[in-house]
Amino acid sequence: MWPVMVLLRTYAPYVTLPVAAVIGFVGYNIEKYFRSPPPNRPSVEDQRNERLLKEMVEGDKATPPPLSEKTFVPKTIFEKNVSPSLAKDE
């Protein structure tokens, strides 16, 4: 019995790797056979293009203010990064 245990201990890496590879290969193919294909969803790029087209067709409902007003430019440096709770409504 001892020579068999020594033999298994010595050659364990050479035996377990091929056995694990065969089990993995068989399991992979069985799973591939029984798995249903994933549903076809449009890509993110297609969804974005559709959304942009829909926005263009609907028209300009919310037009931004003209650049000549410059409402986005702060009057002083202290108004640049103000939290909404501290912002003053003018």
N, C-alpha and C. Protein backbone atom coordinates (compact mmCIF):
# COMPACT_ATOMS: atom_id res chain seq x y z
N MET A 1 0.81 -1.19 0.00
CA MET A 1 0.00 0.00 0.00
C MET A 1 0.86 1.26 0.00
N TRP A 2 1.99 1.21 0.71
CA TRP A 2 2.85 2.37 0.76
C TRP A 2 3.42 2.76 -0.60
N PRO A 3 3.84 1.83 -1.41
CA PRO A 3 4.37 2.25 -2.71
C PRO A 3 3.31 2.94 -3.58
N VAL A 4 2.04 2.51 -3.45
CA VAL A 4 0.97 3.15 -4.23
C VAL A 4 0.76 4.59 -3.76
N MET A 5 0.78 4.83 -2.45
CA MET A 5 0.61 6.18 -1.91
C MET A 5 1.77 7.08 -2.32
N VAL A 6 2.96 6.55 -2.30
CA VAL A 6 4.13 7.32 -2.70
C VAL A 6 4.05 7.65 -4.19
N LEU A 7 3.60 6.69 -4.96
CA LEU A 7 3.46 6.90 -6.40
C LEU A 7 2.40 7.97 -6.69
N LEU A 8 1.25 7.90 -6.00
CA LEU A 8 0.21 8.91 -6.21
C LEU A 8 0.66 10.30 -5.75
N ARG A 9 1.37 10.35 -4.65
CA ARG A 9 1.85 11.64 -4.15
C ARG A 9 2.90 12.23 -5.09
N THR A 10 3.71 11.41 -5.65
CA THR A 10 4.77 11.89 -6.53
C THR A 10 4.22 12.40 -7.85
N TYR A 11 3.29 11.66 -8.42
CA TYR A 11 2.78 12.01 -9.74
C TYR A 11 1.40 12.69 -9.70
N ALA A 12 1.00 13.21 -8.57
CA ALA A 12 -0.31 13.86 -8.43
C ALA A 12 -0.48 15.04 -9.40
N PRO A 13 0.48 15.94 -9.55
CA PRO A 13 0.28 17.05 -10.49
C PRO A 13 0.11 16.58 -11.93
N TYR A 14 0.80 15.52 -12.29
CA TYR A 14 0.72 15.04 -13.67
C TYR A 14 -0.60 14.32 -13.94
N VAL A 15 -1.25 13.85 -12.90
CA VAL A 15 -2.52 13.14 -13.06
C VAL A 15 -3.69 14.10 -12.95
N THR A 16 -3.64 15.03 -11.99
CA THR A 16 -4.79 15.90 -11.75
C THR A 16 -5.00 16.93 -12.85
N LEU A 17 -3.95 17.43 -13.45
CA LEU A 17 -4.12 18.44 -14.51
C LEU A 17 -4.88 17.88 -15.71
N PRO A 18 -4.53 16.75 -16.27
CA PRO A 18 -5.32 16.25 -17.40
C PRO A 18 -6.74 15.87 -16.99
N VAL A 19 -6.92 15.33 -15.79
CA VAL A 19 -8.27 14.98 -15.34
C VAL A 19 -9.11 16.25 -15.20
N ALA A 20 -8.57 17.29 -14.62
CA ALA A 20 -9.30 18.55 -14.48
C ALA A 20 -9.60 19.17 -15.84
N ALA A 21 -8.67 19.07 -16.78
CA ALA A 21 -8.91 19.61 -18.11
C ALA A 21 -10.03 18.87 -18.82
N VAL A 22 -10.07 17.54 -18.69
CA VAL A 22 -11.14 16.75 -19.33
C VAL A 22 -12.48 17.08 -18.70
N ILE A 23 -12.53 17.15 -17.37
CA ILE A 23 -13.79 17.48 -16.69
C ILE A 23 -14.26 18.88 -17.08
N GLY A 24 -13.36 19.84 -17.15
CA GLY A 24 -13.72 21.19 -17.56
C GLY A 24 -14.21 21.26 -18.99
N PHE A 25 -13.56 20.55 -19.88
CA PHE A 25 -13.97 20.54 -21.29
C PHE A 25 -15.36 19.93 -21.45
N VAL A 26 -15.60 18.82 -20.78
CA VAL A 26 -16.92 18.16 -20.86
C VAL A 26 -17.99 19.07 -20.25
N GLY A 27 -17.72 19.66 -19.11
CA GLY A 27 -18.69 20.55 -18.47
C GLY A 27 -18.99 21.77 -19.31
N TYR A 28 -17.98 22.33 -19.93
CA TYR A 28 -18.18 23.50 -20.80
C TYR A 28 -19.09 23.16 -21.97
N ASN A 29 -18.86 22.04 -22.60
CA ASN A 29 -19.68 21.65 -23.76
C ASN A 29 -21.10 21.30 -23.35
N ILE A 30 -21.27 20.66 -22.20
CA ILE A 30 -22.63 20.37 -21.73
C ILE A 30 -23.38 21.66 -21.44
N GLU A 31 -22.72 22.59 -20.79
CA GLU A 31 -23.37 23.87 -20.49
C GLU A 31 -23.70 24.63 -21.77
N LYS A 32 -22.81 24.61 -22.74
CA LYS A 32 -23.06 25.29 -24.00
C LYS A 32 -24.24 24.67 -24.74
N TYR A 33 -24.40 23.36 -24.60
CA TYR A 33 -25.49 22.66 -25.30
C TYR A 33 -26.84 23.01 -24.68
N PHE A 34 -26.92 23.11 -23.36
CA PHE A 34 -28.19 23.34 -22.69
C PHE A 34 -28.53 24.80 -22.47
N ARG A 35 -27.59 25.67 -22.62
CA ARG A 35 -27.85 27.09 -22.37
C ARG A 35 -28.57 27.71 -23.56
N SER A 36 -29.56 28.55 -23.27
CA SER A 36 -30.26 29.25 -24.34
C SER A 36 -29.45 30.49 -24.73
N PRO A 37 -29.55 30.92 -25.96
CA PRO A 37 -28.77 32.10 -26.37
C PRO A 37 -29.31 33.35 -25.68
N PRO A 38 -28.46 34.31 -25.42
CA PRO A 38 -28.92 35.54 -24.76
C PRO A 38 -29.82 36.34 -25.69
N PRO A 39 -30.76 37.10 -25.12
CA PRO A 39 -31.65 37.89 -25.98
C PRO A 39 -30.87 38.98 -26.71
N ASN A 40 -31.29 39.26 -27.91
CA ASN A 40 -30.62 40.30 -28.70
C ASN A 40 -31.14 41.65 -28.28
N ARG A 41 -30.28 42.43 -27.68
CA ARG A 41 -30.61 43.78 -27.27
C ARG A 41 -29.83 44.75 -28.14
N PRO A 42 -30.40 45.90 -28.42
CA PRO A 42 -29.64 46.87 -29.22
C PRO A 42 -28.44 47.37 -28.42
N SER A 43 -27.41 47.72 -29.13
CA SER A 43 -26.20 48.18 -28.46
C SER A 43 -26.43 49.56 -27.86
N VAL A 44 -25.53 49.97 -27.00
CA VAL A 44 -25.64 51.27 -26.35
C VAL A 44 -25.53 52.38 -27.39
N GLU A 45 -24.70 52.17 -28.38
CA GLU A 45 -24.55 53.18 -29.43
C GLU A 45 -25.84 53.33 -30.23
N ASP A 46 -26.52 52.21 -30.53
CA ASP A 46 -27.80 52.29 -31.24
C ASP A 46 -28.86 52.99 -30.39
N GLN A 47 -28.90 52.69 -29.10
CA GLN A 47 -29.86 53.35 -28.22
C GLN A 47 -29.59 54.86 -28.17
N ARG A 48 -28.33 55.24 -28.11
CA ARG A 48 -27.98 56.66 -28.08
C ARG A 48 -28.39 57.34 -29.37
N ASN A 49 -28.11 56.70 -30.51
CA ASN A 49 -28.49 57.29 -31.79
C ASN A 49 -30.00 57.45 -31.91
N GLU A 50 -30.75 56.46 -31.45
CA GLU A 50 -32.21 56.57 -31.49
C GLU A 50 -32.71 57.71 -30.61
N ARG A 51 -32.11 57.84 -29.42
CA ARG A 51 -32.51 58.91 -28.52
C ARG A 51 -32.19 60.28 -29.12
N LEU A 52 -31.01 60.43 -29.73
CA LEU A 52 -30.66 61.70 -30.36
C LEU A 52 -31.58 62.02 -31.52
N LEU A 53 -31.92 61.02 -32.32
CA LEU A 53 -32.85 61.25 -33.43
C LEU A 53 -34.21 61.66 -32.92
N LYS A 54 -34.66 61.03 -31.85
CA LYS A 54 -35.97 61.37 -31.29
C LYS A 54 -35.98 62.80 -30.77
N GLU A 55 -34.88 63.20 -30.13
CA GLU A 55 -34.78 64.57 -29.65
C GLU A 55 -34.76 65.57 -30.80
N MET A 56 -34.11 65.21 -31.90
CA MET A 56 -34.07 66.12 -33.05
C MET A 56 -35.44 66.24 -33.71
N VAL A 57 -36.18 65.15 -33.76
CA VAL A 57 -37.50 65.17 -34.39
C VAL A 57 -38.48 65.97 -33.54
N GLU A 58 -38.41 65.81 -32.22
CA GLU A 58 -39.33 66.53 -31.34
C GLU A 58 -39.09 68.03 -31.39
N GLY A 59 -37.93 68.46 -31.74
CA GLY A 59 -37.64 69.88 -31.86
C GLY A 59 -36.99 70.44 -30.62
N ASP A 60 -36.74 71.71 -30.67
CA ASP A 60 -36.09 72.40 -29.55
C ASP A 60 -37.16 72.89 -28.58
N LYS A 61 -37.55 72.06 -27.65
CA LYS A 61 -38.55 72.46 -26.66
C LYS A 61 -37.91 73.31 -25.58
N ALA A 62 -36.72 72.99 -25.19
CA ALA A 62 -36.02 73.73 -24.15
C ALA A 62 -34.76 74.32 -24.75
N THR A 63 -34.87 75.53 -25.28
CA THR A 63 -33.70 76.18 -25.88
C THR A 63 -32.86 76.80 -24.78
N PRO A 64 -31.58 76.64 -24.84
CA PRO A 64 -30.71 77.25 -23.82
C PRO A 64 -30.66 78.76 -24.01
N PRO A 65 -30.32 79.48 -22.95
CA PRO A 65 -30.22 80.94 -23.11
C PRO A 65 -29.08 81.30 -24.05
N PRO A 66 -29.17 82.42 -24.72
CA PRO A 66 -28.11 82.81 -25.65
C PRO A 66 -26.79 83.07 -24.91
N LEU A 67 -25.71 82.90 -25.62
CA LEU A 67 -24.40 83.09 -25.01
C LEU A 67 -24.10 84.54 -24.69
N SER A 68 -24.81 85.47 -25.29
CA SER A 68 -24.56 86.88 -25.03
C SER A 68 -24.97 87.27 -23.60
N GLU A 69 -25.88 86.52 -22.98
CA GLU A 69 -26.30 86.84 -21.60
C GLU A 69 -25.25 86.44 -20.58
N LYS A 70 -24.51 85.38 -20.84
CA LYS A 70 -23.44 84.90 -19.96
C LYS A 70 -23.94 84.68 -18.52
N THR A 71 -25.00 83.95 -18.38
CA THR A 71 -25.53 83.67 -17.04
C THR A 71 -24.70 82.63 -16.31
N PHE A 72 -23.88 81.90 -17.02
CA PHE A 72 -23.08 80.85 -16.41
C PHE A 72 -21.76 81.35 -15.86
N VAL A 73 -21.41 82.61 -16.11
CA VAL A 73 -20.14 83.15 -15.64
C VAL A 73 -20.37 83.80 -14.28
N PRO A 74 -19.62 83.39 -13.24
CA PRO A 74 -19.81 84.01 -11.92
C PRO A 74 -19.26 85.43 -11.90
N LYS A 75 -19.87 86.27 -11.04
CA LYS A 75 -19.43 87.66 -10.94
C LYS A 75 -18.12 87.76 -10.18
N THR A 76 -17.95 86.91 -9.16
CA THR A 76 -16.71 86.89 -8.40
C THR A 76 -16.21 85.46 -8.32
N ILE A 77 -14.98 85.29 -7.88
CA ILE A 77 -14.39 83.97 -7.76
C ILE A 77 -15.07 83.17 -6.65
N PHE A 78 -15.67 83.85 -5.67
CA PHE A 78 -16.30 83.17 -4.56
C PHE A 78 -17.62 82.51 -4.95
N GLU A 79 -18.18 82.86 -6.08
CA GLU A 79 -19.43 82.27 -6.55
C GLU A 79 -19.20 81.10 -7.49
N LYS A 80 -17.94 80.73 -7.68
CA LYS A 80 -17.63 79.71 -8.67
C LYS A 80 -18.11 78.33 -8.26
N ASN A 81 -17.73 77.84 -7.08
CA ASN A 81 -18.12 76.51 -6.62
C ASN A 81 -18.93 76.63 -5.34
N VAL A 82 -20.15 77.07 -5.47
CA VAL A 82 -21.02 77.25 -4.32
C VAL A 82 -22.03 76.11 -4.30
N SER A 83 -22.22 75.53 -3.12
CA SER A 83 -23.19 74.45 -3.02
C SER A 83 -24.60 75.02 -3.22
N PRO A 84 -25.55 74.20 -3.66
CA PRO A 84 -26.90 74.70 -3.91
C PRO A 84 -27.57 75.30 -2.68
N SER A 85 -27.21 74.81 -1.49
CA SER A 85 -27.84 75.36 -0.28
C SER A 85 -27.33 76.77 0.03
N LEU A 86 -26.14 77.11 -0.43
CA LEU A 86 -25.58 78.43 -0.17
C LEU A 86 -25.78 79.41 -1.32
N ALA A 87 -26.28 78.95 -2.44
CA ALA A 87 -26.45 79.82 -3.59
C ALA A 87 -27.55 80.83 -3.33
N LYS A 88 -27.30 82.04 -3.79
CA LYS A 88 -28.29 83.12 -3.62
C LYS A 88 -29.12 83.22 -4.88
N ASP A 89 -30.43 83.32 -4.69
CA ASP A 89 -31.34 83.51 -5.83
C ASP A 89 -31.49 85.00 -6.08
N GLU A 90 -31.13 85.45 -7.26
CA GLU A 90 -31.22 86.88 -7.59
C GLU A 90 -32.31 87.11 -8.58
